[in-house]
Amino acid sequence: MAGKISKITNRPYGKDKEIRSREMGQSGVDVPLFGKAQEMFPFSVECKNQQTWSIPAWIKDAKYNQEDGTDWLLVVKKNRHEEIVVMDARAFFDFYEQLIQGIWK
């Protein structure tokens, strides 16, 4: 996920970079963002790769790890399936409205 965010924001990722991947078992967001990367991608990312899904519990985790000034974003995956993004509907519509206003001004 860090690589995808790096690609769309054109910001560096890796150890001691603006975009990092948190190792399993550590507390906090799964993809810590800093500086310009966080401004460009204002989400606290929680990633899950499981065969059995527990979306309500994972949303609770995402909200718990949510950083100030960001919206939570849950990325879930299952073997042989595409990744799926789950986020708060209000945040989605606010984000989309900002996108449309920027495009159509």
Protein backbone atom coordinates (compact mmCIF):
# COMPACT_ATOMS: atom_id res chain seq x y z
CA MET A 1 0.00 0.00 0.00
CA ALA A 2 2.87 2.40 0.78
CA GLY A 3 4.17 1.95 -2.77
CA LYS A 4 0.78 2.77 -4.29
CA ILE A 5 0.43 5.90 -2.17
CA SER A 6 3.99 6.89 -3.12
CA LYS A 7 3.19 6.44 -6.80
CA ILE A 8 0.05 8.60 -6.80
CA THR A 9 1.55 11.34 -4.61
CA ASN A 10 5.03 11.18 -6.17
CA ARG A 11 6.48 11.24 -2.65
CA PRO A 12 9.27 8.90 -1.43
CA TYR A 13 8.62 5.81 0.65
CA GLY A 14 10.82 3.56 2.71
CA LYS A 15 12.58 3.70 6.06
CA ASP A 16 12.90 7.31 7.29
CA LYS A 17 10.93 8.62 4.26
CA GLU A 18 7.62 10.52 4.06
CA ILE A 19 5.71 7.28 3.44
CA ARG A 20 6.53 4.15 5.44
CA SER A 21 5.15 0.68 6.03
CA ARG A 22 4.60 -0.32 9.63
CA GLU A 23 5.60 -3.86 10.45
CA MET A 24 2.94 -6.30 11.64
CA GLY A 25 2.24 -6.22 15.35
CA GLN A 26 3.22 -2.59 15.86
CA SER A 27 0.61 -0.12 17.05
CA GLY A 28 -0.61 2.83 15.00
CA VAL A 29 -1.56 3.26 11.37
CA ASP A 30 -0.25 0.68 8.94
CA VAL A 31 1.10 3.31 6.52
CA PRO A 32 2.55 6.27 8.43
CA LEU A 33 2.61 9.45 6.35
CA PHE A 34 4.63 12.57 7.06
CA GLY A 35 5.04 16.06 5.65
CA LYS A 36 3.84 16.69 2.11
CA ALA A 37 2.73 13.05 1.73
CA GLN A 38 0.22 13.45 4.56
CA GLU A 39 -1.06 16.72 3.07
CA MET A 40 -1.56 15.05 -0.29
CA PHE A 41 -3.09 11.85 1.12
CA PRO A 42 -5.00 12.86 4.28
CA PHE A 43 -5.99 9.36 5.39
CA SER A 44 -5.00 7.08 8.24
CA VAL A 45 -4.57 3.76 6.46
CA GLU A 46 -5.42 0.43 8.09
CA CYS A 47 -4.58 -2.66 5.98
CA LYS A 48 -5.95 -6.17 6.42
CA ASN A 49 -5.15 -9.28 4.38
CA GLN A 50 -7.35 -12.05 5.76
CA GLN A 51 -9.36 -14.96 4.42
CA THR A 52 -12.16 -14.38 6.93
CA TRP A 53 -13.32 -10.79 7.10
CA SER A 54 -14.40 -8.88 10.17
CA ILE A 55 -15.20 -5.46 8.72
CA PRO A 56 -16.88 -3.94 11.83
CA ALA A 57 -13.90 -4.86 14.04
CA TRP A 58 -11.44 -3.56 11.45
CA ILE A 59 -13.32 -0.27 11.16
CA LYS A 60 -13.04 0.03 14.93
CA ASP A 61 -9.26 -0.53 14.62
CA ALA A 62 -9.03 2.08 11.85
CA LYS A 63 -10.90 4.63 13.94
CA TYR A 64 -8.75 3.86 16.99
CA ASN A 65 -5.54 4.44 15.00
CA GLN A 66 -6.88 7.49 13.14
CA GLU A 67 -4.46 10.41 13.31
CA ASP A 68 -5.56 14.01 13.88
CA GLY A 69 -6.49 15.87 10.70
CA THR A 70 -7.10 12.70 8.68
CA ASP A 71 -9.98 10.39 7.81
CA TRP A 72 -9.69 6.66 8.42
CA LEU A 73 -9.30 4.39 5.41
CA LEU A 74 -9.49 0.61 5.54
CA VAL A 75 -7.90 -1.47 2.77
CA VAL A 76 -8.92 -5.13 2.82
CA LYS A 77 -7.73 -8.03 0.70
CA LYS A 78 -8.33 -11.74 0.42
CA ASN A 79 -6.24 -14.22 -1.59
CA ARG A 80 -7.13 -14.21 -5.29
CA HIS A 81 -9.36 -11.15 -4.84
CA GLU A 82 -8.84 -7.46 -5.52
CA GLU A 83 -8.21 -4.98 -2.75
CA ILE A 84 -11.26 -3.13 -1.46
CA VAL A 85 -11.35 0.26 0.23
CA VAL A 86 -13.80 0.96 3.06
CA MET A 87 -14.23 4.48 4.37
CA ASP A 88 -16.74 6.74 6.08
CA ALA A 89 -19.41 7.87 3.59
CA ARG A 90 -19.20 11.49 4.79
CA ALA A 91 -15.45 11.52 4.17
CA PHE A 92 -15.94 10.01 0.71
CA PHE A 93 -18.52 12.59 -0.35
CA ASP A 94 -16.50 15.48 1.14
CA PHE A 95 -13.40 14.25 -0.71
CA TYR A 96 -15.31 13.81 -3.96
CA GLU A 97 -16.90 17.25 -3.65
CA GLN A 98 -13.46 18.82 -3.23
CA LEU A 99 -12.21 16.89 -6.25
CA ILE A 100 -15.11 18.01 -8.44
CA GLN A 101 -14.78 21.64 -7.33
CA GLY A 102 -11.08 21.56 -8.19
CA ILE A 103 -11.72 20.07 -11.62
CA TRP A 104 -14.66 22.26 -12.62
CA LYS A 105 -13.48 25.66 -11.36
